[in-house]
Amino acid sequence: MYHIKTIATLTGLSSETLRAWERRYQTVVPARDESGRRVYSEQDLARLLLLAELTHAGHSIGKLSKLDDRQLAKLVQPESRLTDVSQHQYFDRIIESLLQYRVDSFEELLKRALLAYEPLPYVRDILTPALYRVGQLWHEEKLSVAQEHMFSACVKRIILSMVNNIHLLTHNRPSILFATPQGEIHEFGILMACLLAASQQFNCYYLGSDLPAAEIVEASRHLQPDVVALSVINTPPEPEIVEQLHWLGEVDELRETQIWIGGQGAKYLAEHQRLNRRLQLIADIDAFHQKACQFKYLRDRS
């Protein structure tokens, strides 16, 4: 028999998600021990592992909850997995709307995808490729600066709105502060990470991009986050950014705070052994999701 924290670790699903699925969809209804705590059987675990894999692949939990274990197992088979067709349809329609300056249309498509997908597949399989494609079209001069800015503003608005909808600050939750150092203006990495952290019930403090290192430290002194999450995209990073990152890794005020960093610039520094040893490299959005799950589990146990 397994308690909920163990199930959360084994499946990658947060305890809050497990409780919500039980309450809303009766996906798995665990037994209770003498203390009233949830206890899950091997069969419960097997079903939740299937549900976790399928929701991460983009399936709706509302639809999956109506299927039995055999039907879920069939969906996991390679020939039955979701294809890229739905993603391409989203991309094509988003780009078409963007080219026509139809803000309402591509915003509606992005919102619809957010409702259809769980946060991780939405970020990984919808937003990230869409942002890459928009950037590519801009570099090819097939999109104007105005169109690229409209799309960026729309994505930021949707993500922060979603974070505010699912996020409620409470004292007993772990917390993450999100920022990029001064000179780094790209913020979509920390935006998407913030959405994932909020969905895992972290307290999220989003400070945005281009923030002086001293301001990050000052905010951390007041907010006391468990983690500072940074992103550096510029490759190679400017010397001023490298200097700020090194200082953040050495400053006394952050000695008790974990510092996570992602982005191509951070990977470059790690590969060239120029990343301060206290800064933990996050390879991609999946790695951030996994790291957050593990951190929350270990903190809850302590």
Protein backbone atom coordinates (compact mmCIF):
# COMPACT_ATOMS: atom_id res chain seq x y z
CA MET A 1 0.00 0.00 0.00
CA TYR A 2 1.20 3.50 -0.82
CA HIS A 3 0.48 6.89 0.74
CA ILE A 4 -0.22 9.91 -1.45
CA LYS A 5 3.28 11.40 -1.24
CA THR A 6 4.81 8.17 -2.53
CA ILE A 7 2.23 7.98 -5.33
CA ALA A 8 3.05 11.59 -6.26
CA THR A 9 6.75 10.73 -6.50
CA LEU A 10 6.22 7.56 -8.53
CA THR A 11 3.79 9.10 -11.01
CA GLY A 12 5.08 12.69 -11.24
CA LEU A 13 1.59 13.93 -10.36
CA SER A 14 1.27 16.40 -7.50
CA SER A 15 -0.73 15.50 -4.41
CA GLU A 16 -3.11 18.35 -5.29
CA THR A 17 -3.68 16.87 -8.75
CA LEU A 18 -4.37 13.42 -7.29
CA ARG A 19 -6.93 14.87 -4.87
CA ALA A 20 -8.55 16.96 -7.60
CA TRP A 21 -8.84 13.98 -9.94
CA GLU A 22 -10.39 11.93 -7.13
CA ARG A 23 -12.85 14.70 -6.25
CA ARG A 24 -13.86 15.73 -9.78
CA TYR A 25 -13.54 12.54 -11.82
CA GLN A 26 -13.25 9.62 -9.36
CA THR A 27 -10.30 8.40 -11.43
CA VAL A 28 -9.00 6.48 -8.43
CA VAL A 29 -10.74 6.42 -5.04
CA PRO A 30 -8.17 5.18 -2.51
CA ALA A 31 -8.90 3.42 0.74
CA ARG A 32 -8.18 5.08 4.09
CA ASP A 33 -5.94 3.92 6.91
CA GLU A 34 -6.76 4.14 10.63
CA SER A 35 -5.65 7.77 10.68
CA GLY A 36 -7.88 8.67 7.74
CA ARG A 37 -4.99 9.08 5.31
CA ARG A 38 -5.34 7.92 1.73
CA VAL A 39 -3.71 4.60 0.88
CA TYR A 40 -3.32 3.36 -2.69
CA SER A 41 -3.08 -0.24 -3.90
CA GLU A 42 -0.80 -1.63 -6.63
CA GLN A 43 -3.78 -1.51 -9.00
CA ASP A 44 -4.39 2.15 -8.11
CA LEU A 45 -0.73 2.92 -8.84
CA ALA A 46 -0.84 1.11 -12.18
CA ARG A 47 -3.92 3.09 -13.24
CA LEU A 48 -2.42 6.41 -12.17
CA LEU A 49 0.79 5.69 -14.06
CA LEU A 50 -1.29 5.19 -17.21
CA LEU A 51 -3.25 8.39 -16.56
CA ALA A 52 -0.07 10.36 -15.93
CA GLU A 53 1.51 9.21 -19.18
CA LEU A 54 -1.61 9.87 -21.23
CA THR A 55 -2.29 13.33 -19.78
CA HIS A 56 1.36 14.28 -20.36
CA ALA A 57 0.84 13.17 -23.98
CA GLY A 58 -2.06 15.61 -24.27
CA HIS A 59 -5.17 13.55 -23.50
CA SER A 60 -7.93 15.16 -21.44
CA ILE A 61 -8.32 13.75 -17.93
CA GLY A 62 -12.07 14.26 -18.18
CA LYS A 63 -12.27 11.79 -21.06
CA LEU A 64 -9.69 9.39 -19.65
CA SER A 65 -11.53 9.07 -16.35
CA LYS A 66 -14.41 7.31 -18.13
CA LEU A 67 -12.15 4.53 -19.46
CA ASP A 68 -11.18 1.30 -17.73
CA ASP A 69 -7.58 0.15 -17.32
CA ARG A 70 -7.62 -2.00 -20.46
CA GLN A 71 -8.82 0.93 -22.59
CA LEU A 72 -6.17 3.19 -21.05
CA ALA A 73 -3.45 0.62 -21.78
CA LYS A 74 -4.51 0.49 -25.43
CA LEU A 75 -4.17 4.24 -25.72
CA VAL A 76 -0.60 3.99 -24.47
CA GLN A 77 0.34 1.71 -27.36
CA PRO A 78 2.48 3.51 -29.95
CA GLU A 79 -0.06 3.16 -32.73
CA SER A 80 -2.73 4.77 -30.54
CA ARG A 81 -0.71 7.69 -29.19
CA LEU A 82 -1.59 11.24 -30.08
CA THR A 83 -0.02 12.36 -33.32
CA ASP A 84 1.31 15.78 -34.22
CA VAL A 85 -1.74 16.49 -36.39
CA SER A 86 -3.63 18.44 -33.73
CA GLN A 87 -0.51 20.46 -32.92
CA HIS A 88 0.06 21.33 -36.57
CA GLN A 89 -3.57 22.35 -36.90
CA TYR A 90 -3.13 24.69 -33.95
CA PHE A 91 0.09 26.11 -35.40
CA ASP A 92 -1.34 26.64 -38.88
CA ARG A 93 -4.44 28.40 -37.58
CA ILE A 94 -2.47 30.50 -35.10
CA ILE A 95 0.00 31.65 -37.78
CA GLU A 96 -2.79 32.33 -40.25
CA SER A 97 -4.63 34.47 -37.69
CA LEU A 98 -1.41 36.25 -36.75
CA LEU A 99 -0.63 37.09 -40.38
CA GLN A 100 -4.10 38.62 -40.66
CA TYR A 101 -3.70 40.62 -37.41
CA ARG A 102 -6.67 38.72 -35.93
CA VAL A 103 -5.66 38.98 -32.29
CA ASP A 104 -8.98 37.65 -31.02
CA SER A 105 -8.64 34.53 -33.16
CA PHE A 106 -5.13 33.42 -32.18
CA GLU A 107 -5.77 34.33 -28.54
CA GLU A 108 -8.87 32.12 -28.59
CA LEU A 109 -6.84 29.26 -30.11
CA LEU A 110 -4.19 29.55 -27.42
CA LYS A 111 -6.84 29.59 -24.69
CA ARG A 112 -8.65 26.61 -26.19
CA ALA A 113 -5.40 24.63 -26.24
CA LEU A 114 -4.82 25.54 -22.59
CA LEU A 115 -8.19 24.05 -21.69
CA ALA A 116 -7.57 20.91 -23.78
CA TYR A 117 -4.09 20.11 -22.45
CA GLU A 118 -2.56 19.66 -19.03
CA PRO A 119 0.03 22.37 -18.20
CA LEU A 120 3.16 20.34 -19.07
CA PRO A 121 2.08 19.17 -22.56
CA TYR A 122 0.58 22.61 -23.21
CA VAL A 123 3.91 24.28 -22.46
CA ARG A 124 6.09 21.61 -24.09
CA ASP A 125 4.03 20.61 -27.12
CA ILE A 126 1.99 23.71 -27.94
CA LEU A 127 3.58 26.91 -26.63
CA THR A 128 7.27 26.10 -27.11
CA PRO A 129 6.97 25.01 -30.77
CA ALA A 130 4.59 27.90 -31.51
CA LEU A 131 7.01 30.45 -30.05
CA TYR A 132 9.86 28.90 -32.01
CA ARG A 133 7.86 29.02 -35.23
CA VAL A 134 6.86 32.66 -34.71
CA GLY A 135 10.49 33.58 -34.03
CA GLN A 136 11.58 31.69 -37.12
CA LEU A 137 9.05 33.48 -39.31
CA TRP A 138 10.14 36.82 -37.86
CA HIS A 139 13.80 36.10 -38.71
CA GLU A 140 12.71 35.14 -42.22
CA GLU A 141 10.85 38.50 -42.40
CA LYS A 142 7.55 36.72 -42.98
CA LEU A 143 6.16 38.27 -39.80
CA SER A 144 6.52 41.91 -38.85
CA VAL A 145 7.90 43.15 -35.54
CA ALA A 146 4.39 44.31 -34.65
CA GLN A 147 2.95 40.85 -35.25
CA GLU A 148 5.68 39.18 -33.20
CA HIS A 149 5.08 41.65 -30.36
CA MET A 150 1.32 41.06 -30.50
CA PHE A 151 1.84 37.32 -30.21
CA SER A 152 4.35 37.66 -27.37
CA ALA A 153 2.06 39.98 -25.43
CA CYS A 154 -0.85 37.58 -25.92
CA VAL A 155 1.12 34.57 -24.65
CA LYS A 156 2.33 36.51 -21.60
CA ARG A 157 -1.19 37.72 -20.82
CA ILE A 158 -2.65 34.20 -21.06
CA ILE A 159 0.04 32.56 -18.92
CA LEU A 160 -0.05 35.16 -16.15
CA SER A 161 -3.84 35.08 -16.14
CA MET A 162 -3.77 31.29 -15.78
CA VAL A 163 -1.16 31.50 -13.02
CA ASN A 164 -3.35 33.96 -11.12
CA ASN A 165 -6.39 31.70 -11.56
CA ILE A 166 -4.76 28.56 -10.15
CA HIS A 167 -2.39 30.20 -7.69
CA LEU A 168 -3.11 31.17 -4.10
CA LEU A 169 -0.30 32.25 -1.78
CA THR A 170 -0.22 30.23 1.45
CA HIS A 171 2.44 30.02 4.13
CA ASN A 172 2.85 26.24 4.13
CA ARG A 173 3.80 25.83 0.45
CA PRO A 174 7.29 25.93 -1.08
CA SER A 175 7.99 29.05 -3.13
CA ILE A 176 9.89 29.97 -6.28
CA LEU A 177 10.98 33.42 -7.43
CA PHE A 178 11.23 33.82 -11.24
CA ALA A 179 13.44 36.37 -13.01
CA THR A 180 16.09 36.86 -15.67
CA PRO A 181 19.28 38.81 -14.94
CA GLN A 182 19.89 42.30 -16.27
CA GLY A 183 20.67 42.17 -19.99
CA GLU A 184 18.50 39.10 -20.61
CA ILE A 185 15.17 40.24 -22.08
CA HIS A 186 13.75 36.84 -23.05
CA GLU A 187 11.23 35.77 -20.43
CA PHE A 188 9.19 32.96 -21.95
CA GLY A 189 11.29 30.30 -20.24
CA ILE A 190 10.52 31.63 -16.76
CA LEU A 191 6.91 32.36 -17.75
CA MET A 192 6.28 28.75 -18.74
CA ALA A 193 8.15 27.45 -15.71
CA CYS A 194 5.99 29.71 -13.53
CA LEU A 195 2.84 28.16 -15.00
CA LEU A 196 4.11 24.65 -14.24
CA ALA A 197 5.12 25.62 -10.70
CA ALA A 198 1.73 27.21 -10.03
CA SER A 199 0.00 24.05 -11.28
CA GLN A 200 2.08 22.09 -8.74
CA GLN A 201 0.90 24.43 -5.96
CA PHE A 202 4.10 26.37 -5.41
CA ASN A 203 3.95 29.95 -4.23
CA CYS A 204 5.14 31.84 -7.32
CA TYR A 205 6.78 35.27 -7.31
CA TYR A 206 7.13 36.43 -10.92
CA LEU A 207 9.50 39.40 -11.26
CA GLY A 208 9.98 39.28 -15.02
CA SER A 209 13.01 39.93 -17.21
CA ASP A 210 16.06 42.18 -17.20
CA LEU A 211 16.39 42.47 -13.43
CA PRO A 212 19.68 43.59 -11.80
CA ALA A 213 21.19 40.89 -9.63
CA ALA A 214 21.06 43.16 -6.58
CA GLU A 215 17.30 43.55 -7.06
CA ILE A 216 16.87 39.76 -7.24
CA VAL A 217 18.71 39.44 -3.94
CA GLU A 218 16.72 42.26 -2.33
CA ALA A 219 13.42 40.70 -3.40
CA SER A 220 14.58 37.32 -2.11
CA ARG A 221 15.49 38.85 1.24
CA HIS A 222 11.89 40.00 1.69
CA LEU A 223 10.03 37.11 0.01
CA GLN A 224 12.24 34.28 1.33
CA PRO A 225 11.72 31.90 -1.63
CA ASP A 226 12.98 28.32 -1.42
CA VAL A 227 14.19 28.57 -5.02
CA VAL A 228 15.29 31.35 -7.37
CA ALA A 229 14.62 30.29 -10.98
CA LEU A 230 16.58 32.11 -13.69
CA SER A 231 16.83 31.87 -17.45
CA VAL A 232 19.58 32.95 -19.84
CA ILE A 233 18.98 32.55 -23.57
CA ASN A 234 21.73 34.69 -25.12
CA THR A 235 24.54 32.45 -26.39
CA PRO A 236 27.23 33.07 -25.45
CA PRO A 237 25.98 35.23 -22.56
CA GLU A 238 27.34 38.74 -22.25
CA PRO A 239 30.21 39.09 -19.73
CA GLU A 240 27.98 41.28 -17.54
CA ILE A 241 25.40 38.49 -17.30
CA VAL A 242 28.07 35.92 -16.43
CA GLU A 243 29.36 38.25 -13.72
CA GLN A 244 25.87 38.67 -12.26
CA LEU A 245 25.28 34.91 -12.20
CA HIS A 246 28.58 34.29 -10.44
CA TRP A 247 27.75 36.96 -7.85
CA LEU A 248 24.31 35.43 -7.24
CA GLY A 249 26.01 32.10 -6.61
CA GLU A 250 28.37 33.61 -4.01
CA VAL A 251 26.22 36.21 -2.23
CA ASP A 252 25.54 35.37 1.42
CA GLU A 253 21.84 36.28 1.28
CA LEU A 254 21.14 33.33 -1.04
CA ARG A 255 23.20 30.73 0.82
CA GLU A 256 20.06 28.91 2.00
CA THR A 257 18.25 29.28 -1.33
CA GLN A 258 18.53 26.92 -4.27
CA ILE A 259 19.24 28.62 -7.60
CA TRP A 260 17.97 26.89 -10.75
CA ILE A 261 18.88 28.15 -14.19
CA GLY A 262 17.77 27.15 -17.68
CA GLY A 263 18.11 28.30 -21.28
CA GLN A 264 20.67 27.92 -24.05
CA GLY A 265 22.96 30.50 -22.48
CA ALA A 266 23.02 28.56 -19.22
CA LYS A 267 23.79 25.33 -21.10
CA TYR A 268 26.66 27.08 -22.87
CA LEU A 269 28.16 28.20 -19.56
CA ALA A 270 27.80 24.70 -18.09
CA GLU A 271 29.43 23.07 -21.12
CA HIS A 272 32.34 25.52 -20.89
CA GLN A 273 32.61 25.05 -17.11
CA ARG A 274 31.81 28.70 -16.47
CA LEU A 275 28.62 28.22 -14.48
CA ASN A 276 28.92 28.86 -10.76
CA ARG A 277 28.77 25.57 -8.87
CA ARG A 278 25.78 26.71 -6.78
CA LEU A 279 23.62 27.24 -9.87
CA GLN A 280 21.79 24.06 -10.81
CA LEU A 281 21.31 23.63 -14.56
CA ILE A 282 17.78 22.77 -15.73
CA ALA A 283 18.09 21.17 -19.16
CA ASP A 284 14.56 21.77 -20.43
CA ILE A 285 10.93 22.25 -19.40
CA ASP A 286 10.49 18.53 -18.63
CA ALA A 287 13.53 18.69 -16.37
CA PHE A 288 12.05 21.71 -14.57
CA HIS A 289 8.77 19.84 -14.03
CA GLN A 290 10.63 16.82 -12.65
CA LYS A 291 12.89 18.96 -10.47
CA ALA A 292 9.90 20.81 -9.00
CA CYS A 293 8.12 17.50 -8.27
CA GLN A 294 11.17 16.11 -6.49
CA PHE A 295 11.76 19.32 -4.53
CA LYS A 296 8.18 19.47 -3.32
CA TYR A 297 8.22 15.80 -2.31
CA LEU A 298 11.47 16.13 -0.33
CA ARG A 299 10.31 19.34 1.34
CA ASP A 300 7.00 17.77 2.35
CA ARG A 301 8.88 14.86 3.91
CA SER A 302 11.23 17.05 5.93
